[in-house]
Amino acid sequence: MRSFVPAISAAALFLCGCAAHRGSGPSFSDVPVAGRPSVSLPNDRLIMTPDDVLVGKVARVNVDGRFVVMTFPIGHLPSLDQKLSIYRRGLKMGEVRVTGPQLDDSVVGDLAAGDARAGDEVRAQ
C-alpha cells in the first residue's frame, strides 16, 4: 500500500500538468488546407523574366596584338563580327569585336577601343 500512494499522486500530477497545456496549441481551424494558401499574397503578382544578355569573361589579353580570349557559358557564344562591351567593376573599359577562332567555350576578339584585363566582364551591347 505504501508504493501505491506515491504512484497515484505522481499520476495525478502528470495528468494535471498535461491538462494545463491543452489550450496553447493551434486548433484544427488554424491548419492550412490544400485549396487555401498558407501565406497572404498581394493581388498584383510579380512577373519575373529571365535576362537574356550574353555575358562572359576575359580569360587572356595580348596587349601587343590587341586581342583578347573570352570564355562564355556553354551554348551561349557570340556570333562573328558581334560587338561586345568590356566592363571592370561595373565601369565600361572598352569594346571588342568577335573575330574568331572559337574552341569549345572560348572565342577570340579584337580590341576596338579601350583596354582589357583578365577577369573583366564581357557583355553584349
C-alpha atoms as a PDB file:
ATOM      1  CA  MET A   1       0.000   0.000   0.000  1.00  0.00           C
ATOM      2  CA  ARG A   2       2.915   2.341   0.633  1.00  0.00           C
ATOM      3  CA  SER A   3       4.109   2.119  -3.013  1.00  0.00           C
ATOM      4  CA  PHE A   4       0.580   2.554  -4.335  1.00  0.00           C
ATOM      5  CA  VAL A   5       0.049   6.041  -2.794  1.00  0.00           C
ATOM      6  CA  PRO A   6       3.144   7.653  -4.387  1.00  0.00           C
ATOM      7  CA  ALA A   7       2.245   6.126  -7.753  1.00  0.00           C
ATOM      8  CA  ILE A   8      -1.290   7.569  -7.608  1.00  0.00           C
ATOM      9  CA  SER A   9      -0.026  11.029  -6.603  1.00  0.00           C
ATOM     10  CA  ALA A  10       2.603  11.003  -9.406  1.00  0.00           C
ATOM     11  CA  ALA A  11      -0.062  10.068 -11.957  1.00  0.00           C
ATOM     12  CA  ALA A  12      -2.332  12.836 -10.678  1.00  0.00           C
ATOM     13  CA  LEU A  13       0.472  15.436 -11.030  1.00  0.00           C
ATOM     14  CA  PHE A  14       1.258  14.182 -14.534  1.00  0.00           C
ATOM     15  CA  LEU A  15      -2.363  14.461 -15.669  1.00  0.00           C
ATOM     16  CA  CYS A  16      -2.715  17.939 -14.156  1.00  0.00           C
ATOM     17  CA  GLY A  17       0.411  19.088 -15.994  1.00  0.00           C
ATOM     18  CA  CYS A  18      -0.870  17.816 -19.331  1.00  0.00           C
ATOM     19  CA  ALA A  19      -4.262  19.428 -18.843  1.00  0.00           C
ATOM     20  CA  ALA A  20      -2.671  22.851 -18.282  1.00  0.00           C
ATOM     21  CA  HIS A  21      -1.181  22.922 -21.838  1.00  0.00           C
ATOM     22  CA  ARG A  22      -4.371  21.965 -23.616  1.00  0.00           C
ATOM     23  CA  GLY A  23      -5.392  25.460 -24.842  1.00  0.00           C
ATOM     24  CA  SER A  24      -1.954  26.687 -26.057  1.00  0.00           C
ATOM     25  CA  GLY A  25      -1.726  24.627 -29.290  1.00  0.00           C
ATOM     26  CA  PRO A  26      -3.244  25.579 -32.657  1.00  0.00           C
ATOM     27  CA  SER A  27      -6.750  24.434 -33.325  1.00  0.00           C
ATOM     28  CA  PHE A  28      -7.736  22.499 -36.419  1.00  0.00           C
ATOM     29  CA  SER A  29      -9.260  25.619 -37.984  1.00  0.00           C
ATOM     30  CA  ASP A  30      -5.808  27.286 -37.998  1.00  0.00           C
ATOM     31  CA  VAL A  31      -4.172  24.495 -40.008  1.00  0.00           C
ATOM     32  CA  PRO A  32      -3.896  25.485 -43.731  1.00  0.00           C
ATOM     33  CA  VAL A  33      -5.904  23.444 -46.209  1.00  0.00           C
ATOM     34  CA  ALA A  34      -4.773  22.434 -49.683  1.00  0.00           C
ATOM     35  CA  GLY A  35      -7.006  24.923 -51.535  1.00  0.00           C
ATOM     36  CA  ARG A  36      -6.092  27.934 -49.413  1.00  0.00           C
ATOM     37  CA  PRO A  37      -2.547  29.386 -49.417  1.00  0.00           C
ATOM     38  CA  SER A  38      -0.866  29.498 -46.029  1.00  0.00           C
ATOM     39  CA  VAL A  39       0.622  32.924 -46.790  1.00  0.00           C
ATOM     40  CA  SER A  40      -1.277  36.024 -47.799  1.00  0.00           C
ATOM     41  CA  LEU A  41      -0.198  37.137 -51.278  1.00  0.00           C
ATOM     42  CA  PRO A  42      -0.899  40.501 -52.893  1.00  0.00           C
ATOM     43  CA  ASN A  43      -3.413  40.541 -55.721  1.00  0.00           C
ATOM     44  CA  ASP A  44      -0.930  42.041 -58.197  1.00  0.00           C
ATOM     45  CA  ARG A  45       1.587  39.267 -58.760  1.00  0.00           C
ATOM     46  CA  LEU A  46       5.229  39.955 -59.553  1.00  0.00           C
ATOM     47  CA  ILE A  47       6.274  38.847 -63.032  1.00  0.00           C
ATOM     48  CA  MET A  48       9.894  37.810 -63.437  1.00  0.00           C
ATOM     49  CA  THR A  49      11.531  37.474 -66.850  1.00  0.00           C
ATOM     50  CA  PRO A  50      14.951  35.918 -67.391  1.00  0.00           C
ATOM     51  CA  ASP A  51      17.752  38.171 -68.564  1.00  0.00           C
ATOM     52  CA  ASP A  52      18.957  37.019 -71.986  1.00  0.00           C
ATOM     53  CA  VAL A  53      22.056  39.238 -72.126  1.00  0.00           C
ATOM     54  CA  LEU A  54      25.181  37.462 -73.326  1.00  0.00           C
ATOM     55  CA  VAL A  55      27.786  37.609 -70.523  1.00  0.00           C
ATOM     56  CA  GLY A  56      31.329  36.229 -70.491  1.00  0.00           C
ATOM     57  CA  LYS A  57      34.777  36.804 -69.001  1.00  0.00           C
ATOM     58  CA  VAL A  58      38.121  37.855 -70.420  1.00  0.00           C
ATOM     59  CA  ALA A  59      40.446  34.888 -69.983  1.00  0.00           C
ATOM     60  CA  ARG A  60      43.631  36.252 -71.577  1.00  0.00           C
ATOM     61  CA  VAL A  61      44.821  39.506 -73.090  1.00  0.00           C
ATOM     62  CA  ASN A  62      47.524  40.101 -75.731  1.00  0.00           C
ATOM     63  CA  VAL A  63      48.395  43.785 -75.399  1.00  0.00           C
ATOM     64  CA  ASP A  64      50.831  43.850 -78.347  1.00  0.00           C
ATOM     65  CA  GLY A  65      48.418  42.124 -80.721  1.00  0.00           C
ATOM     66  CA  ARG A  66      45.365  43.989 -79.272  1.00  0.00           C
ATOM     67  CA  PHE A  67      43.207  40.878 -78.974  1.00  0.00           C
ATOM     68  CA  VAL A  68      41.537  39.024 -76.107  1.00  0.00           C
ATOM     69  CA  VAL A  69      40.442  35.448 -75.459  1.00  0.00           C
ATOM     70  CA  MET A  70      36.979  35.357 -73.903  1.00  0.00           C
ATOM     71  CA  THR A  71      35.097  32.490 -72.245  1.00  0.00           C
ATOM     72  CA  PHE A  72      31.310  32.135 -72.235  1.00  0.00           C
ATOM     73  CA  PRO A  73      28.835  29.640 -70.784  1.00  0.00           C
ATOM     74  CA  ILE A  74      28.450  26.549 -72.937  1.00  0.00           C
ATOM     75  CA  GLY A  75      25.820  27.097 -75.605  1.00  0.00           C
ATOM     76  CA  HIS A  76      25.854  30.912 -75.279  1.00  0.00           C
ATOM     77  CA  LEU A  77      28.603  32.085 -77.614  1.00  0.00           C
ATOM     78  CA  PRO A  78      28.589  35.377 -79.535  1.00  0.00           C
ATOM     79  CA  SER A  79      28.389  35.409 -83.312  1.00  0.00           C
ATOM     80  CA  LEU A  80      31.263  36.528 -85.550  1.00  0.00           C
ATOM     81  CA  ASP A  81      31.633  40.308 -86.008  1.00  0.00           C
ATOM     82  CA  GLN A  82      29.428  40.957 -82.949  1.00  0.00           C
ATOM     83  CA  LYS A  83      30.486  43.950 -80.856  1.00  0.00           C
ATOM     84  CA  LEU A  84      30.768  43.408 -77.110  1.00  0.00           C
ATOM     85  CA  SER A  85      31.499  45.800 -74.252  1.00  0.00           C
ATOM     86  CA  ILE A  86      34.188  45.172 -71.636  1.00  0.00           C
ATOM     87  CA  TYR A  87      33.364  46.096 -68.028  1.00  0.00           C
ATOM     88  CA  ARG A  88      35.578  46.253 -64.964  1.00  0.00           C
ATOM     89  CA  ARG A  89      33.826  46.721 -61.592  1.00  0.00           C
ATOM     90  CA  GLY A  90      30.711  47.970 -63.390  1.00  0.00           C
ATOM     91  CA  LEU A  91      32.528  50.614 -65.481  1.00  0.00           C
ATOM     92  CA  LYS A  92      32.854  50.295 -69.238  1.00  0.00           C
ATOM     93  CA  MET A  93      36.529  49.923 -70.111  1.00  0.00           C
ATOM     94  CA  GLY A  94      36.420  49.159 -73.826  1.00  0.00           C
ATOM     95  CA  GLU A  95      34.879  47.383 -76.787  1.00  0.00           C
ATOM     96  CA  VAL A  96      35.787  44.196 -78.584  1.00  0.00           C
ATOM     97  CA  ARG A  97      34.722  42.766 -81.944  1.00  0.00           C
ATOM     98  CA  VAL A  98      34.437  38.976 -82.126  1.00  0.00           C
ATOM     99  CA  THR A  99      36.713  37.672 -84.896  1.00  0.00           C
ATOM    100  CA  GLY A 100      37.298  34.029 -84.017  1.00  0.00           C
ATOM    101  CA  PRO A 101      38.587  31.346 -83.929  1.00  0.00           C
ATOM    102  CA  GLN A 102      36.343  29.536 -81.462  1.00  0.00           C
ATOM    103  CA  LEU A 103      37.278  26.481 -79.403  1.00  0.00           C
ATOM    104  CA  ASP A 104      34.720  24.940 -77.003  1.00  0.00           C
ATOM    105  CA  ASP A 105      33.584  27.819 -74.766  1.00  0.00           C
ATOM    106  CA  SER A 106      36.374  30.255 -75.760  1.00  0.00           C
ATOM    107  CA  VAL A 107      36.425  32.755 -78.611  1.00  0.00           C
ATOM    108  CA  VAL A 108      38.906  35.420 -79.735  1.00  0.00           C
ATOM    109  CA  GLY A 109      38.100  39.076 -80.383  1.00  0.00           C
ATOM    110  CA  ASP A 110      39.982  42.212 -81.451  1.00  0.00           C
ATOM    111  CA  LEU A 111      40.068  45.206 -79.111  1.00  0.00           C
ATOM    112  CA  ALA A 112      38.270  48.031 -80.926  1.00  0.00           C
ATOM    113  CA  ALA A 113      38.569  50.622 -78.159  1.00  0.00           C
ATOM    114  CA  GLY A 114      39.872  50.883 -74.608  1.00  0.00           C
ATOM    115  CA  ASP A 115      41.736  48.140 -72.804  1.00  0.00           C
ATOM    116  CA  ALA A 116      41.066  44.846 -71.068  1.00  0.00           C
ATOM    117  CA  ARG A 117      42.476  42.705 -68.271  1.00  0.00           C
ATOM    118  CA  ALA A 118      41.994  39.071 -67.406  1.00  0.00           C
ATOM    119  CA  GLY A 119      38.838  38.695 -65.303  1.00  0.00           C
ATOM    120  CA  ASP A 120      36.951  41.617 -66.866  1.00  0.00           C
ATOM    121  CA  GLU A 121      33.306  41.035 -67.753  1.00  0.00           C
ATOM    122  CA  VAL A 122      32.216  40.975 -71.398  1.00  0.00           C
ATOM    123  CA  ARG A 123      28.582  41.815 -72.241  1.00  0.00           C
ATOM    124  CA  ALA A 124      26.570  42.257 -75.405  1.00  0.00           C
ATOM    125  CA  GLN A 125      25.714  45.871 -76.188  1.00  0.00           C
END
